[in-house]
Amino acid sequence: MTVSRKDERTRAMTRGTGIIMLGLCAVVCIQQYIWLKLDHSPPWGDAMHPIFRGLYLLDLIKSGKIGGLIKACYVLDLKWIYPPTVAIAYCAYYLLFGINEMALMVNALYLCLGVWGVLGIGKELFGERTGVLAAVVFASLPGVLFAEKLGFREFHAMCILAVVGHCLLKTRYFSDRYYSFLTGFIFAFAMMTRIESIIYLLPPSLFLAYKGLRKGRSPTMISNIMIMVMTTIVIMMPWLVLNHKVLIHYYFYKRIDPTDIYRIWVSLENMMYYSKHLYKILLGPVFLFVFLASVVVSCMVYFTEKERSKSLIMICLFLCFFVPWVFFHAVSIKDFSHIFPLFIIIALLIVGVNQCIGQKSIRGLYVAFILFFCMRSIAFPITRAYELNELELPPYFKPALLFLPWDKYADASRQGKPEATFQGVVTRAAWDDVLKTMINSINDDHAQETRMMPNDALPSVLLLQNYFPLRHIQLNYYNALSGASLKIANILEGEGEPDVEIQQQKYDYIVIERPYLFISDHPESRYINEFNAYILKNENVFNDHYEKISEIDLPRGTQAFIYSLRR
């Protein structure tokens, strides 16, 4: 059997694509590994919930509580409203490598998954070479690298949605039953990671359904759409049925309660929020300019050229970007993590415009320009980590310093912003050492106490501050890494009176920041403000029950005082 030259070229291209993609995945993992090794900073806010849950699942496995493990995966509460799709990955990491600060390497594996998904989408829309370039651009966008380091659930949903998008295109306008089933199957996990994922799947699904109707495939298309939808529902059914009361309370009462600080409503305030974040952190001026230029060029080609097939794909991609963009602008609760899945479309638009350019030389220059900034972007977090640690940069990374991108992106790798009461910019690495010192100081004191008075109960700790990064959730993170030796009270759930709790000696240790600079009217801060105000006013009463055991200088020019219950 003879093989044509065309088949040989196709096979060679496929092999080349595989090698390039494996290399890209290796670069993604190495870059994340180096960044985590050099920048020992805790994850942010909500990104810690899957980590805590992964540690909880690990504890259930080690203690042999299989029934509790199954229940933890399906029966949820308001604290853990989503199934542990991400937490299971963290749990697997801890089982293989032990409890350490490198658990965010899990995000590199998710990004590799997303990279292959973007390759598939680009290949279906524009061809194999453009698909490879789209994967490279996607893995190089500053916002993607930033999200990988943070570890928000929206990042994991974005990576899963990239695979969903590829499978959706493989349905061939919902004519393929297998890929319709596979799309619904994978999309269920995207929904169970972040329920807002449906906002991103609706526009492309409607485009494909409309195109399928135009091609006269309505009977097959309708049955395959039903297969996709029913597959998603069946997989999500245990979560929906077992937790319907919690879900109803969370989405239909809590989120519409006028007194709840996290309620959702339509709001046209702060309409430049996402645009500012795209410019300052998530894309930077270069990638943002290229993205906007690609949209403009695509529109010009569509309205001026006779051949509109490629530019029409670009217009459809932009509409898939525009619908979620408008939706999240109209929602009252705005957070830059909500638009992470848009990076998939942004990468496709940046590379897809090359198909609309007629001259081959210009296309080559454009690709070279894009690849240059991709390499610069990938190298930047590593150079930034070296700079934060005041280490000598290896010679092969020094050229990247000549083209440092985006001061705001540099600030994003730090924690803390210049304030009137601060001296300079505070780095997250500095807080890393401080929070570890707090945990170790309390553990050392408690060890001395238990030697004199044996007690198996975990000491309770109250942190009278919740201004990032000195927060309950951050302190609990380091407590978990050190073996969960402390029981850290959630100050946001405090409902008692400060005088009663102090006189009843409710807490073994209390951590106070002085001076207390961040008095806020925010409802979450009410309990903290009241507790601090009571201690300042009744210092003698407080000192009758608690004694100071340690003073720790904080990076923002204040001090943390650790008080122990008098025995």
Protein backbone atom coordinates (compact mmCIF):
# COMPACT_ATOMS: atom_id res chain seq x y z
CA MET A 1 0.00 0.00 0.00
CA THR A 2 1.53 3.30 -1.11
CA VAL A 3 1.34 6.44 0.96
CA SER A 4 0.84 9.74 -0.85
CA ARG A 5 3.07 12.71 -0.20
CA LYS A 6 0.09 14.56 1.20
CA ASP A 7 -0.49 11.81 3.79
CA GLU A 8 3.20 11.86 4.70
CA ARG A 9 3.12 15.62 5.21
CA THR A 10 -0.02 15.29 7.32
CA ARG A 11 1.56 12.65 9.53
CA ALA A 12 4.76 14.67 9.86
CA MET A 13 2.77 17.75 10.83
CA THR A 14 0.80 15.74 13.40
CA ARG A 15 4.03 14.40 14.92
CA GLY A 16 5.49 17.90 14.95
CA THR A 17 2.37 19.25 16.62
CA GLY A 18 2.57 16.57 19.29
CA ILE A 19 6.21 17.37 20.02
CA ILE A 20 5.53 21.11 20.21
CA MET A 21 2.55 20.59 22.53
CA LEU A 22 4.48 18.27 24.83
CA GLY A 23 7.25 20.87 24.94
CA LEU A 24 4.74 23.60 25.73
CA CYS A 25 3.24 21.52 28.55
CA ALA A 26 6.75 20.93 29.92
CA VAL A 27 7.44 24.68 29.84
CA VAL A 28 4.13 25.35 31.66
CA CYS A 29 5.01 22.88 34.42
CA ILE A 30 8.63 24.05 34.77
CA GLN A 31 7.60 27.70 34.87
CA GLN A 32 5.02 27.04 37.59
CA TYR A 33 7.50 24.93 39.55
CA ILE A 34 10.18 27.65 39.51
CA TRP A 35 7.66 30.35 40.40
CA LEU A 36 6.35 28.35 43.36
CA LYS A 37 9.87 27.53 44.53
CA LEU A 38 10.97 31.15 44.49
CA ASP A 39 7.76 32.91 45.55
CA HIS A 40 6.60 31.23 48.77
CA SER A 41 3.31 33.02 49.05
CA PRO A 42 -0.07 31.58 50.04
CA PRO A 43 -2.97 31.28 47.59
CA TRP A 44 -5.58 34.01 47.66
CA GLY A 45 -8.99 33.99 49.33
CA ASP A 46 -11.41 31.59 47.67
CA ALA A 47 -8.53 29.68 46.09
CA MET A 48 -7.85 28.15 49.50
CA HIS A 49 -11.20 26.40 49.85
CA PRO A 50 -10.32 23.52 47.48
CA ILE A 51 -6.97 23.15 49.27
CA PHE A 52 -8.62 22.92 52.70
CA ARG A 53 -11.13 20.50 51.31
CA GLY A 54 -8.40 18.39 49.75
CA LEU A 55 -6.69 18.19 53.15
CA TYR A 56 -10.01 17.22 54.72
CA LEU A 57 -10.49 14.41 52.18
CA LEU A 58 -6.91 13.31 52.84
CA ASP A 59 -7.63 13.09 56.57
CA LEU A 60 -10.73 10.97 55.90
CA ILE A 61 -8.72 8.61 53.69
CA LYS A 62 -5.90 8.22 56.20
CA SER A 63 -8.35 7.60 59.05
CA GLY A 64 -10.20 4.98 56.98
CA LYS A 65 -13.54 6.79 57.08
CA ILE A 66 -14.79 5.64 53.67
CA GLY A 67 -18.41 6.48 54.50
CA GLY A 68 -17.38 9.98 55.54
CA LEU A 69 -15.35 10.32 52.36
CA ILE A 70 -18.32 9.43 50.15
CA LYS A 71 -20.56 11.78 52.12
CA ALA A 72 -18.01 14.61 51.84
CA CYS A 73 -18.04 14.22 48.04
CA TYR A 74 -21.81 14.46 47.66
CA VAL A 75 -23.39 16.11 50.73
CA LEU A 76 -22.46 19.78 50.80
CA ASP A 77 -23.23 22.89 52.84
CA LEU A 78 -23.08 26.67 52.45
CA LYS A 79 -19.34 26.62 53.17
CA TRP A 80 -18.61 24.08 50.43
CA ILE A 81 -21.34 24.62 47.87
CA TYR A 82 -19.55 22.84 44.98
CA PRO A 83 -18.62 19.16 44.58
CA PRO A 84 -14.91 18.48 45.25
CA THR A 85 -13.86 18.28 41.59
CA VAL A 86 -10.75 20.39 42.27
CA ALA A 87 -10.27 19.24 45.86
CA ILE A 88 -9.87 15.64 44.70
CA ALA A 89 -6.89 16.71 42.57
CA TYR A 90 -5.29 18.41 45.59
CA CYS A 91 -6.02 15.33 47.71
CA ALA A 92 -4.30 13.13 45.12
CA TYR A 93 -1.27 15.45 45.19
CA TYR A 94 -1.03 15.23 48.99
CA LEU A 95 -1.31 11.44 48.84
CA LEU A 96 1.56 11.24 46.34
CA PHE A 97 3.88 13.99 47.55
CA GLY A 98 2.83 14.77 51.12
CA ILE A 99 1.55 18.04 52.58
CA ASN A 100 3.68 20.93 51.33
CA GLU A 101 3.45 24.37 49.71
CA MET A 102 3.90 23.04 46.16
CA ALA A 103 0.31 21.77 45.88
CA LEU A 104 -0.45 24.54 43.38
CA MET A 105 1.46 22.43 40.83
CA VAL A 106 -1.97 20.86 40.34
CA ASN A 107 -2.88 24.05 38.46
CA ALA A 108 -0.10 23.39 35.93
CA LEU A 109 -1.75 20.08 35.06
CA TYR A 110 -5.08 21.84 34.61
CA LEU A 111 -3.39 24.39 32.34
CA CYS A 112 -1.90 21.58 30.24
CA LEU A 113 -5.44 20.27 29.84
CA GLY A 114 -6.61 23.73 28.77
CA VAL A 115 -3.71 24.10 26.32
CA TRP A 116 -4.71 20.90 24.50
CA GLY A 117 -8.32 22.09 24.45
CA VAL A 118 -7.36 25.42 22.85
CA LEU A 119 -5.23 23.53 20.32
CA GLY A 120 -8.29 21.47 19.37
CA ILE A 121 -10.53 24.54 19.01
CA GLY A 122 -7.96 26.40 16.90
CA LYS A 123 -7.38 23.33 14.75
CA GLU A 124 -11.11 22.94 14.06
CA LEU A 125 -11.61 26.62 13.25
CA PHE A 126 -8.40 27.63 11.45
CA GLY A 127 -6.15 24.63 10.90
CA GLU A 128 -3.43 22.77 12.79
CA ARG A 129 -0.68 25.40 12.65
CA THR A 130 -2.97 28.16 13.84
CA GLY A 131 -4.24 25.86 16.58
CA VAL A 132 -0.69 25.36 17.85
CA LEU A 133 -0.10 29.12 17.84
CA ALA A 134 -3.38 29.66 19.71
CA ALA A 135 -2.27 27.17 22.39
CA VAL A 136 1.07 28.99 22.76
CA VAL A 137 -0.65 32.38 23.07
CA PHE A 138 -3.18 31.00 25.57
CA ALA A 139 -0.44 29.59 27.80
CA SER A 140 1.46 32.90 27.59
CA LEU A 141 -1.27 35.41 28.43
CA PRO A 142 -0.36 37.23 31.66
CA GLY A 143 -3.84 36.64 33.07
CA VAL A 144 -3.55 32.89 32.50
CA LEU A 145 -0.17 32.74 34.26
CA PHE A 146 -1.54 34.93 37.05
CA ALA A 147 -4.64 32.72 37.41
CA GLU A 148 -2.48 29.59 37.45
CA LYS A 149 -0.55 30.97 40.44
CA LEU A 150 -3.71 32.07 42.26
CA GLY A 151 -5.67 28.84 41.86
CA PHE A 152 -9.24 30.20 41.76
CA ARG A 153 -11.98 27.76 40.72
CA GLU A 154 -12.64 29.96 37.67
CA PHE A 155 -9.17 29.00 36.41
CA HIS A 156 -9.97 25.30 36.65
CA ALA A 157 -13.36 25.87 34.99
CA MET A 158 -11.61 27.76 32.16
CA CYS A 159 -9.29 24.82 31.46
CA ILE A 160 -12.18 22.34 31.44
CA LEU A 161 -14.22 24.64 29.19
CA ALA A 162 -11.39 24.65 26.64
CA VAL A 163 -11.82 20.88 26.27
CA VAL A 164 -15.61 21.30 26.19
CA GLY A 165 -15.25 23.81 23.35
CA HIS A 166 -13.15 21.38 21.33
CA CYS A 167 -15.66 18.56 21.81
CA LEU A 168 -18.50 20.93 20.94
CA LEU A 169 -16.91 21.73 17.57
CA LYS A 170 -16.27 18.04 16.95
CA THR A 171 -20.03 17.43 17.12
CA ARG A 172 -20.17 18.95 13.60
CA TYR A 173 -23.27 21.05 14.32
CA PHE A 174 -24.59 18.34 16.70
CA SER A 175 -24.57 15.66 13.99
CA ASP A 176 -22.11 13.41 15.88
CA ARG A 177 -23.73 11.49 18.74
CA TYR A 178 -20.49 10.40 20.42
CA TYR A 179 -19.07 13.92 20.69
CA SER A 180 -22.46 15.26 21.80
CA PHE A 181 -22.36 12.80 24.69
CA LEU A 182 -18.71 13.63 25.44
CA THR A 183 -19.45 17.37 25.43
CA GLY A 184 -22.24 16.91 27.98
CA PHE A 185 -20.07 14.60 30.08
CA ILE A 186 -17.13 17.00 30.36
CA PHE A 187 -19.35 20.07 30.68
CA ALA A 188 -20.93 18.55 33.79
CA PHE A 189 -17.54 18.79 35.51
CA ALA A 190 -17.16 22.40 34.37
CA MET A 191 -20.57 23.19 35.89
CA MET A 192 -19.66 21.41 39.12
CA THR A 193 -16.48 23.46 39.27
CA ARG A 194 -18.18 26.79 38.58
CA ILE A 195 -21.89 26.98 37.77
CA GLU A 196 -21.34 30.20 35.78
CA SER A 197 -19.71 28.02 33.09
CA ILE A 198 -23.09 27.81 31.36
CA ILE A 199 -22.78 31.50 30.42
CA TYR A 200 -19.77 30.63 28.28
CA LEU A 201 -21.25 27.54 26.60
CA LEU A 202 -24.57 29.05 25.54
CA PRO A 203 -23.37 31.42 22.74
CA PRO A 204 -21.30 28.85 20.78
CA SER A 205 -24.00 26.20 21.27
CA LEU A 206 -26.63 28.53 19.82
CA PHE A 207 -24.38 29.38 16.85
CA LEU A 208 -23.81 25.71 16.08
CA ALA A 209 -27.50 24.87 16.49
CA TYR A 210 -28.46 27.68 14.12
CA LYS A 211 -25.90 26.52 11.55
CA GLY A 212 -27.17 22.95 11.92
CA LEU A 213 -30.72 24.07 11.20
CA ARG A 214 -29.49 25.93 8.12
CA LYS A 215 -27.90 22.69 6.89
CA GLY A 216 -31.17 20.78 7.35
CA ARG A 217 -30.01 18.51 10.19
CA SER A 218 -32.83 19.25 12.60
CA PRO A 219 -33.95 15.67 13.54
CA THR A 220 -30.43 14.40 14.30
CA MET A 221 -29.39 17.72 15.81
CA ILE A 222 -32.29 17.89 18.27
CA SER A 223 -31.72 14.32 19.53
CA ASN A 224 -27.99 14.95 19.99
CA ILE A 225 -28.62 18.22 21.82
CA MET A 226 -30.93 16.30 24.15
CA ILE A 227 -28.20 13.70 24.67
CA MET A 228 -25.72 16.44 25.58
CA VAL A 229 -28.10 18.18 27.99
CA MET A 230 -29.34 14.97 29.63
CA THR A 231 -25.79 13.67 30.10
CA THR A 232 -24.88 16.84 31.96
CA ILE A 233 -28.00 16.65 34.12
CA VAL A 234 -27.57 12.95 34.95
CA ILE A 235 -23.98 13.45 36.11
CA MET A 236 -24.98 16.47 38.19
CA MET A 237 -28.13 14.79 39.55
CA PRO A 238 -26.63 13.37 42.80
CA TRP A 239 -25.30 16.82 43.66
CA LEU A 240 -28.60 18.52 42.78
CA VAL A 241 -30.87 16.02 44.57
CA LEU A 242 -28.86 15.51 47.76
CA ASN A 243 -28.20 19.22 48.21
CA HIS A 244 -31.34 20.82 46.78
CA LYS A 245 -32.18 22.63 50.03
CA VAL A 246 -28.69 24.09 50.35
CA LEU A 247 -28.63 25.10 46.69
CA ILE A 248 -32.06 26.74 46.88
CA HIS A 249 -31.03 28.65 49.98
CA TYR A 250 -27.73 29.73 48.44
CA TYR A 251 -28.94 30.75 44.99
CA PHE A 252 -32.56 31.80 45.59
CA TYR A 253 -32.51 33.25 49.11
CA LYS A 254 -28.99 34.27 50.07
CA ARG A 255 -28.18 35.76 46.67
CA ILE A 256 -31.37 37.84 46.50
CA ASP A 257 -31.62 38.81 50.17
CA PRO A 258 -31.42 42.65 50.29
CA THR A 259 -29.57 42.46 53.63
CA ASP A 260 -26.90 40.05 52.37
CA ILE A 261 -23.61 41.68 51.37
CA TYR A 262 -23.14 39.11 48.60
CA ARG A 263 -26.57 39.40 47.04
CA ILE A 264 -26.72 39.58 43.26
CA TRP A 265 -28.68 42.16 41.31
CA VAL A 266 -28.40 44.10 38.07
CA SER A 267 -26.04 47.02 38.47
CA LEU A 268 -24.49 49.41 35.97
CA GLU A 269 -21.97 50.73 38.49
CA ASN A 270 -18.22 50.37 37.92
CA MET A 271 -18.68 49.51 34.25
CA MET A 272 -14.95 49.92 33.54
CA TYR A 273 -13.95 47.33 36.15
CA TYR A 274 -13.07 44.48 33.78
CA SER A 275 -11.53 46.76 31.16
CA LYS A 276 -9.15 48.19 33.76
CA HIS A 277 -8.15 44.73 34.92
CA LEU A 278 -7.53 43.57 31.35
CA TYR A 279 -5.20 46.52 30.82
CA LYS A 280 -3.45 46.53 34.18
CA ILE A 281 -3.06 42.85 35.04
CA LEU A 282 -4.78 40.26 32.87
CA LEU A 283 -3.50 41.23 29.39
CA GLY A 284 -1.33 44.29 29.62
CA PRO A 285 -1.21 46.96 26.91
CA VAL A 286 0.50 44.84 24.25
CA PHE A 287 -1.81 41.82 24.24
CA LEU A 288 -4.83 44.08 24.77
CA PHE A 289 -3.89 46.19 21.76
CA VAL A 290 -3.37 43.09 19.58
CA PHE A 291 -6.70 41.66 20.74
CA LEU A 292 -8.63 44.84 19.92
CA ALA A 293 -6.79 45.24 16.61
CA SER A 294 -7.71 41.67 15.62
CA VAL A 295 -11.39 42.44 16.17
CA VAL A 296 -11.19 45.65 14.13
CA VAL A 297 -9.30 43.98 11.26
CA SER A 298 -11.77 41.08 11.19
CA CYS A 299 -14.71 43.48 10.92
CA MET A 300 -13.02 45.43 8.15
CA VAL A 301 -12.29 42.26 6.15
CA TYR A 302 -15.84 41.00 6.66
CA PHE A 303 -17.41 44.17 5.25
CA THR A 304 -14.88 44.83 2.45
CA GLU A 305 -13.84 41.41 1.09
CA LYS A 306 -15.89 38.91 -0.90
CA GLU A 307 -14.40 35.89 0.88
CA ARG A 308 -15.93 36.10 4.34
CA SER A 309 -15.60 32.59 5.77
CA LYS A 310 -12.56 33.27 7.98
CA SER A 311 -13.68 36.72 9.06
CA LEU A 312 -17.16 35.33 9.83
CA ILE A 313 -15.57 32.86 12.26
CA MET A 314 -13.80 35.79 13.90
CA ILE A 315 -17.07 37.73 14.22
CA CYS A 316 -18.75 34.70 15.82
CA LEU A 317 -15.84 34.33 18.24
CA PHE A 318 -16.14 37.97 19.21
CA LEU A 319 -19.86 37.54 19.88
CA CYS A 320 -19.01 34.56 22.12
CA PHE A 321 -16.70 36.99 23.95
CA PHE A 322 -19.19 39.84 24.01
CA VAL A 323 -22.17 38.00 25.58
CA PRO A 324 -20.39 36.91 28.83
CA TRP A 325 -18.58 40.27 28.90
CA VAL A 326 -21.90 42.15 28.97
CA PHE A 327 -23.46 39.69 31.42
CA PHE A 328 -20.73 40.02 34.05
CA HIS A 329 -20.66 43.81 33.64
CA ALA A 330 -24.38 43.90 34.43
CA VAL A 331 -24.03 41.79 37.59
CA SER A 332 -23.52 43.64 40.86
CA ILE A 333 -20.74 41.39 42.19
CA LYS A 334 -17.70 41.99 40.01
CA ASP A 335 -14.46 40.05 40.33
CA PHE A 336 -11.73 39.74 37.72
CA SER A 337 -11.73 35.95 38.12
CA HIS A 338 -15.22 35.77 36.59
CA ILE A 339 -13.84 36.49 33.10
CA PHE A 340 -10.97 33.96 33.13
CA PRO A 341 -12.68 31.71 30.52
CA LEU A 342 -12.61 34.63 28.08
CA PHE A 343 -8.86 34.05 27.72
CA ILE A 344 -9.70 31.09 25.48
CA ILE A 345 -11.54 33.36 23.02
CA ILE A 346 -8.95 36.13 23.32
CA ALA A 347 -6.15 33.71 22.32
CA LEU A 348 -8.19 32.45 19.35
CA LEU A 349 -8.96 35.98 18.17
CA ILE A 350 -5.32 37.06 18.46
CA VAL A 351 -4.10 34.24 16.21
CA GLY A 352 -7.20 33.90 14.03
CA VAL A 353 -6.82 37.36 12.55
CA ASN A 354 -3.72 36.07 10.77
CA GLN A 355 -6.06 34.10 8.50
CA CYS A 356 -7.64 37.36 7.39
CA ILE A 357 -4.32 38.92 6.32
CA GLY A 358 -3.66 38.50 2.62
CA GLN A 359 0.11 39.03 2.29
CA LYS A 360 2.26 36.13 3.41
CA SER A 361 5.16 38.34 4.54
CA ILE A 362 2.90 40.34 6.85
CA ARG A 363 1.50 37.12 8.29
CA GLY A 364 5.03 35.92 9.05
CA LEU A 365 5.98 39.19 10.75
CA TYR A 366 2.78 39.08 12.80
CA VAL A 367 3.50 35.54 14.00
CA ALA A 368 7.08 36.51 14.93
CA PHE A 369 5.76 39.54 16.84
CA ILE A 370 3.27 37.40 18.78
CA LEU A 371 5.83 34.70 19.60
CA PHE A 372 8.29 37.31 20.87
CA PHE A 373 5.80 38.66 23.39
CA CYS A 374 4.70 35.13 24.32
CA MET A 375 8.27 34.17 25.25
CA ARG A 376 8.69 37.42 27.14
CA SER A 377 5.48 36.84 29.08
CA ILE A 378 6.37 33.25 30.03
CA ALA A 379 9.82 34.32 31.26
CA PHE A 380 8.51 37.26 33.28
CA PRO A 381 7.13 35.45 36.38
CA ILE A 382 10.48 33.68 36.77
CA THR A 383 12.45 36.93 36.53
CA ARG A 384 9.99 38.52 38.95
CA ALA A 385 10.40 35.71 41.46
CA TYR A 386 14.17 36.08 41.33
CA GLU A 387 13.84 39.82 41.87
CA LEU A 388 11.55 39.38 44.89
CA ASN A 389 14.07 37.02 46.47
CA GLU A 390 17.02 39.29 45.60
CA LEU A 391 18.75 36.42 43.79
CA GLU A 392 21.13 36.60 40.86
CA LEU A 393 19.22 35.92 37.65
CA PRO A 394 20.68 33.12 35.49
CA PRO A 395 22.39 34.47 32.34
CA TYR A 396 19.85 32.85 30.02
CA PHE A 397 17.01 34.84 31.63
CA LYS A 398 18.74 38.23 31.65
CA PRO A 399 17.55 39.24 28.14
CA ALA A 400 13.97 39.16 29.46
CA LEU A 401 14.85 41.99 31.84
CA LEU A 402 15.35 44.27 28.86
CA PHE A 403 11.66 43.96 28.04
CA LEU A 404 9.95 43.78 31.42
CA PRO A 405 6.21 43.86 30.73
CA TRP A 406 3.66 45.92 32.55
CA ASP A 407 4.39 47.47 35.89
CA LYS A 408 0.88 46.61 37.05
CA TYR A 409 1.46 42.94 36.30
CA ALA A 410 4.63 43.19 38.38
CA ASP A 411 2.60 44.60 41.24
CA ALA A 412 0.13 41.73 40.86
CA SER A 413 2.83 39.25 41.85
CA ARG A 414 3.19 41.14 45.12
CA GLN A 415 0.69 41.39 47.92
CA GLY A 416 -0.29 44.71 49.38
CA LYS A 417 -0.47 48.11 47.76
CA PRO A 418 1.18 51.39 48.74
CA GLU A 419 -0.92 52.96 51.47
CA ALA A 420 -0.55 56.21 53.39
CA THR A 421 0.45 54.27 56.50
CA PHE A 422 2.78 51.84 54.71
CA GLN A 423 6.40 52.16 53.67
CA GLY A 424 6.71 51.00 50.08
CA VAL A 425 5.09 47.95 48.55
CA VAL A 426 4.70 44.87 50.72
CA THR A 427 5.52 41.54 49.15
CA ARG A 428 3.59 38.35 49.72
CA ALA A 429 6.86 36.55 50.41
CA ALA A 430 7.38 38.78 53.46
CA TRP A 431 3.96 37.87 54.80
CA ASP A 432 4.69 34.20 54.22
CA ASP A 433 7.44 34.24 56.87
CA VAL A 434 5.37 36.34 59.27
CA LEU A 435 2.35 34.04 59.21
CA LYS A 436 4.54 30.97 59.67
CA THR A 437 6.21 32.67 62.64
CA MET A 438 2.80 33.28 64.25
CA ILE A 439 1.83 29.62 63.94
CA ASN A 440 5.20 28.42 65.27
CA SER A 441 5.12 30.87 68.19
CA ILE A 442 1.70 29.65 69.34
CA ASN A 443 2.66 26.00 68.85
CA ASP A 444 5.86 26.45 70.90
CA ASP A 445 3.98 28.12 73.75
CA HIS A 446 1.28 25.47 73.74
CA ALA A 447 3.91 22.72 73.80
CA GLN A 448 5.34 24.20 77.00
CA GLU A 449 1.87 24.43 78.52
CA THR A 450 1.01 20.80 77.72
CA ARG A 451 4.27 19.60 79.25
CA MET A 452 3.15 21.13 82.56
CA MET A 453 -0.59 20.47 82.13
CA PRO A 454 -1.27 17.60 79.66
CA ASN A 455 -4.19 18.41 77.36
CA ASP A 456 -5.13 16.69 74.11
CA ALA A 457 -7.53 19.42 72.96
CA LEU A 458 -6.36 21.70 70.14
CA PRO A 459 -5.71 25.27 71.35
CA SER A 460 -8.21 27.79 69.99
CA VAL A 461 -6.87 30.95 68.34
CA LEU A 462 -8.73 34.20 67.61
CA LEU A 463 -7.22 36.53 64.99
CA LEU A 464 -8.58 40.04 65.53
CA GLN A 465 -7.86 41.20 62.00
CA ASN A 466 -9.17 40.33 58.55
CA TYR A 467 -7.33 42.78 56.31
CA PHE A 468 -5.50 40.87 53.59
CA PRO A 469 -3.19 39.06 53.93
CA LEU A 470 -3.49 38.90 57.73
CA ARG A 471 -6.73 36.93 57.56
CA HIS A 472 -8.31 33.90 59.17
CA ILE A 473 -8.16 31.90 55.94
CA GLN A 474 -4.47 32.70 55.35
CA LEU A 475 -3.49 31.78 58.91
CA ASN A 476 -5.50 28.59 58.62
CA TYR A 477 -3.58 27.68 55.47
CA TYR A 478 -0.25 27.64 57.31
CA ASN A 479 -1.89 25.89 60.21
CA ALA A 480 -2.99 23.13 57.82
CA LEU A 481 0.51 22.82 56.36
CA SER A 482 1.98 22.45 59.85
CA GLY A 483 -0.38 19.58 60.68
CA ALA A 484 -3.54 21.46 61.77
CA SER A 485 -2.23 21.75 65.32
CA LEU A 486 -4.43 24.78 66.10
CA LYS A 487 -8.15 25.48 66.03
CA ILE A 488 -8.38 28.91 64.44
CA ALA A 489 -11.72 30.62 65.06
CA ASN A 490 -13.47 32.23 62.10
CA ILE A 491 -13.86 35.82 63.25
CA LEU A 492 -16.52 36.43 60.58
CA GLU A 493 -18.83 33.99 62.33
CA GLY A 494 -18.49 35.60 65.75
CA GLU A 495 -21.81 36.41 67.34
CA GLY A 496 -21.00 36.66 71.05
CA GLU A 497 -20.28 39.73 73.13
CA PRO A 498 -16.55 40.55 73.53
CA ASP A 499 -16.75 41.04 77.32
CA VAL A 500 -18.51 37.69 77.79
CA GLU A 501 -16.10 35.80 75.55
CA ILE A 502 -13.04 37.25 77.29
CA GLN A 503 -14.33 36.66 80.81
CA GLN A 504 -15.42 33.13 79.91
CA GLN A 505 -11.94 32.56 78.48
CA LYS A 506 -13.34 31.21 75.23
CA TYR A 507 -10.02 31.40 73.33
CA ASP A 508 -6.62 30.04 74.33
CA TYR A 509 -4.80 32.61 72.20
CA ILE A 510 -5.71 35.99 70.75
CA VAL A 511 -3.69 37.72 68.01
CA ILE A 512 -4.05 41.51 67.77
CA GLU A 513 -2.56 43.98 65.30
CA ARG A 514 -1.47 47.34 66.69
CA PRO A 515 -2.07 50.01 65.72
CA TYR A 516 -5.41 48.78 64.42
CA LEU A 517 -5.56 50.84 61.22
CA PHE A 518 -8.35 49.24 59.26
CA ILE A 519 -11.60 50.04 60.99
CA SER A 520 -14.29 49.52 58.38
CA ASP A 521 -18.06 49.89 58.06
CA HIS A 522 -18.17 46.62 56.16
CA PRO A 523 -20.57 44.15 57.89
CA GLU A 524 -17.82 41.51 58.02
CA SER A 525 -15.70 43.88 60.11
CA ARG A 526 -18.33 44.69 62.74
CA TYR A 527 -17.35 41.92 65.14
CA ILE A 528 -13.63 42.66 64.76
CA ASN A 529 -14.18 46.36 65.40
CA GLU A 530 -16.27 45.70 68.51
CA PHE A 531 -13.74 43.25 69.92
CA ASN A 532 -10.81 45.61 69.35
CA ALA A 533 -12.73 48.56 70.78
CA TYR A 534 -13.58 46.59 73.93
CA ILE A 535 -9.95 45.53 74.51
CA LEU A 536 -8.66 49.09 74.07
CA LYS A 537 -11.28 50.42 76.49
CA ASN A 538 -10.96 47.63 79.08
CA GLU A 539 -7.28 46.86 78.94
CA ASN A 540 -7.04 45.95 82.62
CA VAL A 541 -9.86 43.40 82.38
CA PHE A 542 -8.25 41.89 79.28
CA ASN A 543 -4.83 41.64 80.98
CA ASP A 544 -6.41 39.84 83.94
CA HIS A 545 -7.30 36.98 81.64
CA TYR A 546 -4.56 37.10 78.96
CA GLU A 547 -0.81 37.70 78.98
CA LYS A 548 1.41 38.76 76.09
CA ILE A 549 3.82 36.05 74.93
CA SER A 550 5.16 37.42 71.67
CA GLU A 551 5.55 40.52 69.48
CA ILE A 552 6.04 40.18 65.73
CA ASP A 553 6.88 43.05 63.37
CA LEU A 554 4.56 43.08 60.34
CA PRO A 555 5.66 44.13 56.82
CA ARG A 556 3.19 47.03 56.77
CA GLY A 557 4.86 48.80 59.71
CA THR A 558 2.54 47.52 62.43
CA GLN A 559 3.01 44.81 65.06
CA ALA A 560 1.18 41.61 65.91
CA PHE A 561 0.80 40.88 69.62
CA ILE A 562 0.07 37.29 70.61
CA TYR A 563 -1.71 36.84 73.95
CA SER A 564 -2.07 33.57 75.82
CA LEU A 565 -4.76 32.66 78.30
CA ARG A 566 -3.50 32.90 81.87
CA ARG A 567 -3.44 29.46 83.50
